[in-house]
Amino acid sequence: MKIAVFGANGPTGRLIVRQSLEAGHDVTAITRNPDSFPPLGPGLRVVAADVHDPEAIDTAVAGQDAVLSSLGVPYSRQPVTVYSNGTANIVAAMTRHGVERLVCVSASLAAPGLGPHGGFFVDKVAGPLVAYFGRTVYADMARMEALLRQSDVGWTIMRPNGLFETPQVTDYRTAEDYLDASYTSRADLADAMRRQLESDDYLRKVCAVATTAEKPSLIQLLVREGSSKKGTS
């Protein structure tokens, strides 16, 4: 399968690219900074493009079988449009070129009213802090989700919880819309996204994904959420 990966130069994006190559797919990694992308193996093509540039996105999507998107930006007090505008450009290009399958990353905090996520401290202290500092990011994720629901592509929206690192894929859980869990390994998220291309279980649905076998230090998680890039292009 020929797969285009947006947000390929972010921490989740690189895992998506690596895992997809290992599974035998041909991968086009789409990034604003192609010179910094590592040589992950045969079957990889690195393309320079910005998701705000419709013509560049059109060229990158042409000839693909599916698109995986882990677009992301750091928290900011300024309005964020990379999710909604970038995804609109991706969907438009997919429609023009007859590419039907799209799997993209959102977040559980894009729909905070669904339920608790892991106990008093996470729900009453850490979660509200993250939601406050990331409010412009999560608002744009919600706009992206609304755009996809109105589109004709075969979308799946992935909603992880607090992202952290594990050395390999674990025995993670998925469910439609919501899971009462606090954390998601990036390796698990990447694996779950890639597997959506082989299944219709979450076609035109939201897929919550959560890691239960391991969990990060809460302090490390908060520092990373507040200072790191969410998964850049």
Protein backbone atom coordinates (compact mmCIF):
# COMPACT_ATOMS: atom_id res chain seq x y z
CA MET A 1 0.00 0.00 0.00
CA LYS A 2 1.15 3.55 -0.74
CA ILE A 3 0.72 5.69 2.38
CA ALA A 4 1.17 9.44 2.78
CA VAL A 5 2.09 10.53 6.32
CA PHE A 6 1.50 14.13 7.39
CA GLY A 7 3.19 15.37 10.54
CA ALA A 8 5.88 12.84 9.63
CA ASN A 9 8.70 14.67 11.40
CA GLY A 10 7.02 14.69 14.81
CA PRO A 11 7.58 11.97 17.43
CA THR A 12 4.37 10.11 16.55
CA GLY A 13 4.82 10.70 12.83
CA ARG A 14 8.26 9.12 12.77
CA LEU A 15 6.87 6.05 14.51
CA ILE A 16 4.05 5.84 11.97
CA VAL A 17 6.58 6.01 9.13
CA ARG A 18 8.91 3.44 10.70
CA GLN A 19 6.15 0.96 11.53
CA SER A 20 4.55 1.33 8.09
CA LEU A 21 7.88 0.67 6.37
CA GLU A 22 8.45 -2.37 8.56
CA ALA A 23 5.01 -3.64 7.54
CA GLY A 24 6.08 -3.48 3.89
CA HIS A 25 4.27 -0.33 2.76
CA ASP A 26 5.65 2.40 0.51
CA VAL A 27 5.63 5.59 2.56
CA THR A 28 5.70 9.25 1.57
CA ALA A 29 6.77 11.30 4.60
CA ILE A 30 5.48 14.86 4.19
CA THR A 31 7.30 17.51 6.19
CA ARG A 32 8.26 21.16 6.07
CA ASN A 33 11.81 20.14 7.00
CA PRO A 34 12.86 17.24 4.76
CA ASP A 35 16.58 17.70 5.45
CA SER A 36 16.07 16.74 9.10
CA PHE A 37 14.14 13.55 8.36
CA PRO A 38 16.12 10.36 9.14
CA PRO A 39 16.79 7.67 6.49
CA LEU A 40 14.48 5.00 7.89
CA GLY A 41 14.86 2.49 5.10
CA PRO A 42 13.85 1.45 1.59
CA GLY A 43 10.35 2.30 0.46
CA LEU A 44 10.58 5.81 1.93
CA ARG A 45 10.08 9.01 -0.03
CA VAL A 46 10.43 12.36 1.78
CA VAL A 47 8.48 15.30 0.34
CA ALA A 48 8.72 18.96 1.35
CA ALA A 49 5.28 20.51 1.83
CA ASP A 50 3.35 22.74 4.20
CA VAL A 51 -0.25 21.73 4.98
CA HIS A 52 -1.32 25.35 4.49
CA ASP A 53 -0.22 25.09 0.83
CA PRO A 54 -3.04 23.40 -1.15
CA GLU A 55 -0.95 22.89 -4.30
CA ALA A 56 1.89 21.20 -2.43
CA ILE A 57 -0.57 18.96 -0.59
CA ASP A 58 -2.30 18.07 -3.85
CA THR A 59 1.01 16.92 -5.33
CA ALA A 60 1.93 14.90 -2.22
CA VAL A 61 -1.44 13.08 -2.08
CA ALA A 62 -1.58 12.20 -5.79
CA GLY A 63 -1.05 8.47 -6.35
CA GLN A 64 -1.48 7.45 -2.70
CA ASP A 65 -3.77 4.69 -1.41
CA ALA A 66 -4.29 6.17 2.06
CA VAL A 67 -3.32 9.06 4.30
CA LEU A 68 -2.24 9.01 7.95
CA SER A 69 -2.03 12.37 9.70
CA SER A 70 -0.34 13.20 13.00
CA LEU A 71 -0.23 16.95 12.45
CA GLY A 72 0.57 18.95 15.52
CA VAL A 73 1.80 22.22 16.97
CA PRO A 74 2.96 23.38 20.43
CA TYR A 75 0.49 25.01 22.77
CA SER A 76 -0.09 28.67 22.02
CA ARG A 77 -2.33 31.49 23.18
CA GLN A 78 -2.71 32.47 19.52
CA PRO A 79 -5.41 30.93 17.31
CA VAL A 80 -4.42 27.57 15.83
CA THR A 81 -5.51 26.47 12.35
CA VAL A 82 -3.10 23.69 11.39
CA TYR A 83 -5.59 20.91 12.18
CA SER A 84 -8.67 22.36 10.53
CA ASN A 85 -7.04 24.17 7.60
CA GLY A 86 -4.44 21.49 7.01
CA THR A 87 -6.99 18.68 7.12
CA ALA A 88 -9.30 20.62 4.80
CA ASN A 89 -6.47 20.79 2.27
CA ILE A 90 -5.73 17.09 2.70
CA VAL A 91 -9.38 16.12 2.24
CA ALA A 92 -9.67 18.33 -0.85
CA ALA A 93 -6.61 16.68 -2.39
CA MET A 94 -7.89 13.20 -1.51
CA THR A 95 -11.21 13.97 -3.17
CA ARG A 96 -9.54 15.23 -6.34
CA HIS A 97 -7.32 12.15 -6.62
CA GLY A 98 -9.79 9.48 -5.48
CA VAL A 99 -7.93 8.60 -2.26
CA GLU A 100 -10.55 7.23 0.11
CA ARG A 101 -8.95 6.39 3.48
CA LEU A 102 -7.80 8.94 6.09
CA VAL A 103 -6.76 8.30 9.69
CA CYS A 104 -5.85 11.34 11.77
CA VAL A 105 -4.86 12.19 15.33
CA SER A 106 -7.08 14.31 17.54
CA ALA A 107 -7.16 14.09 21.37
CA SER A 108 -9.50 13.10 24.15
CA LEU A 109 -9.51 16.76 25.28
CA ALA A 110 -11.12 17.74 21.99
CA ALA A 111 -14.31 16.26 23.51
CA PRO A 112 -13.84 16.77 27.27
CA GLY A 113 -17.43 16.05 28.26
CA LEU A 114 -17.37 12.33 27.48
CA GLY A 115 -16.22 11.17 30.89
CA PRO A 116 -13.36 10.85 33.42
CA HIS A 117 -9.82 9.95 32.47
CA GLY A 118 -8.07 8.27 35.33
CA GLY A 119 -8.77 9.45 38.85
CA PHE A 120 -9.07 12.61 40.90
CA PHE A 121 -5.67 14.19 40.20
CA VAL A 122 -5.83 13.68 36.43
CA ASP A 123 -9.47 14.76 36.17
CA LYS A 124 -9.46 17.66 38.62
CA VAL A 125 -5.89 19.01 38.47
CA ALA A 126 -3.66 17.84 35.61
CA GLY A 127 -6.39 17.53 32.98
CA PRO A 128 -7.84 21.02 33.49
CA LEU A 129 -4.34 22.55 33.43
CA VAL A 130 -3.50 20.84 30.15
CA ALA A 131 -6.91 21.79 28.72
CA TYR A 132 -6.39 25.43 29.70
CA PHE A 133 -2.88 25.84 28.27
CA GLY A 134 -3.79 23.86 25.15
CA ARG A 135 -7.24 25.38 24.61
CA THR A 136 -6.49 26.84 21.17
CA VAL A 137 -5.03 23.52 20.01
CA TYR A 138 -8.01 21.49 21.23
CA ALA A 139 -10.48 23.98 19.80
CA ASP A 140 -8.91 23.54 16.37
CA MET A 141 -8.94 19.75 16.77
CA ALA A 142 -12.68 20.01 17.39
CA ARG A 143 -13.05 22.04 14.19
CA MET A 144 -11.08 19.37 12.34
CA GLU A 145 -13.36 16.64 13.68
CA ALA A 146 -16.45 18.57 12.55
CA LEU A 147 -14.96 19.04 9.09
CA LEU A 148 -14.27 15.32 8.73
CA ARG A 149 -17.80 14.35 9.77
CA GLN A 150 -19.12 16.49 6.93
CA SER A 151 -16.69 15.07 4.36
CA ASP A 152 -17.11 12.11 2.01
CA VAL A 153 -13.74 10.46 2.71
CA GLY A 154 -13.44 7.28 4.75
CA TRP A 155 -12.12 8.90 7.92
CA THR A 156 -11.16 7.59 11.34
CA ILE A 157 -10.41 10.05 14.14
CA MET A 158 -7.93 8.75 16.74
CA ARG A 159 -8.31 10.17 20.25
CA PRO A 160 -5.36 9.34 22.50
CA ASN A 161 -4.94 10.55 26.06
CA GLY A 162 -1.68 11.92 27.53
CA LEU A 163 1.04 10.82 25.11
CA PHE A 164 4.26 9.25 26.34
CA GLU A 165 7.05 6.99 25.07
CA THR A 166 7.42 3.23 25.28
CA PRO A 167 10.21 1.25 23.61
CA GLN A 168 7.74 -0.90 21.70
CA VAL A 169 4.05 -1.50 21.04
CA THR A 170 2.13 -2.78 24.07
CA ASP A 171 -1.17 -4.62 24.52
CA TYR A 172 -3.21 -1.43 24.19
CA ARG A 173 -7.00 -0.94 24.16
CA THR A 174 -9.31 0.71 21.65
CA ALA A 175 -13.00 1.63 21.85
CA GLU A 176 -15.46 3.81 19.99
CA ASP A 177 -15.45 7.44 21.18
CA TYR A 178 -14.12 7.08 24.72
CA LEU A 179 -11.97 5.10 27.17
CA ASP A 180 -11.62 5.82 30.89
CA ALA A 181 -7.82 5.91 30.79
CA SER A 182 -5.11 8.50 31.32
CA TYR A 183 -2.29 7.74 28.91
CA THR A 184 -1.43 6.54 25.40
CA SER A 185 1.96 5.36 24.21
CA ARG A 186 3.02 6.96 20.94
CA ALA A 187 4.09 3.53 19.69
CA ASP A 188 0.61 2.19 20.46
CA LEU A 189 -1.05 5.17 18.76
CA ALA A 190 1.06 4.70 15.63
CA ASP A 191 0.26 0.98 15.53
CA ALA A 192 -3.46 1.57 16.03
CA MET A 193 -3.50 4.15 13.23
CA ARG A 194 -1.73 1.88 10.77
CA ARG A 195 -4.06 -1.01 11.59
CA GLN A 196 -7.10 1.10 10.72
CA LEU A 197 -6.04 0.73 7.10
CA GLU A 198 -6.71 -3.01 7.37
CA SER A 199 -10.07 -2.76 9.13
CA ASP A 200 -13.46 -1.06 8.87
CA ASP A 201 -14.18 -1.36 12.61
CA TYR A 202 -13.79 2.40 13.12
CA LEU A 203 -14.60 3.60 9.61
CA ARG A 204 -16.25 7.04 9.88
CA LYS A 205 -16.00 6.73 13.66
CA VAL A 206 -13.88 8.03 16.53
CA CYS A 207 -11.39 5.51 17.93
CA ALA A 208 -10.16 6.07 21.48
CA VAL A 209 -6.81 4.37 22.14
CA ALA A 210 -5.21 3.87 25.55
CA THR A 211 -2.16 2.17 27.02
CA THR A 212 -2.68 0.23 30.24
CA ALA A 213 0.41 -1.97 30.51
CA GLU A 214 2.75 0.97 31.23
CA LYS A 215 2.40 4.56 32.36
CA PRO A 216 4.68 7.60 32.53
CA SER A 217 5.79 9.69 35.46
CA LEU A 218 3.10 12.33 35.88
CA ILE A 219 5.71 15.07 36.30
CA GLN A 220 7.44 14.01 33.09
CA LEU A 221 4.09 13.97 31.30
CA LEU A 222 3.14 17.48 32.43
CA VAL A 223 6.55 18.90 31.48
CA ARG A 224 6.38 17.24 28.07
CA GLU A 225 2.79 18.40 27.44
CA GLY A 226 3.67 21.97 28.32
CA SER A 227 6.95 22.30 26.45
CA SER A 228 7.22 19.81 23.61
CA LYS A 229 5.86 19.80 20.08
CA LYS A 230 2.74 17.72 19.72
CA GLY A 231 3.87 16.18 16.44
CA THR A 232 5.07 18.67 13.91
CA SER A 233 5.08 18.66 10.16
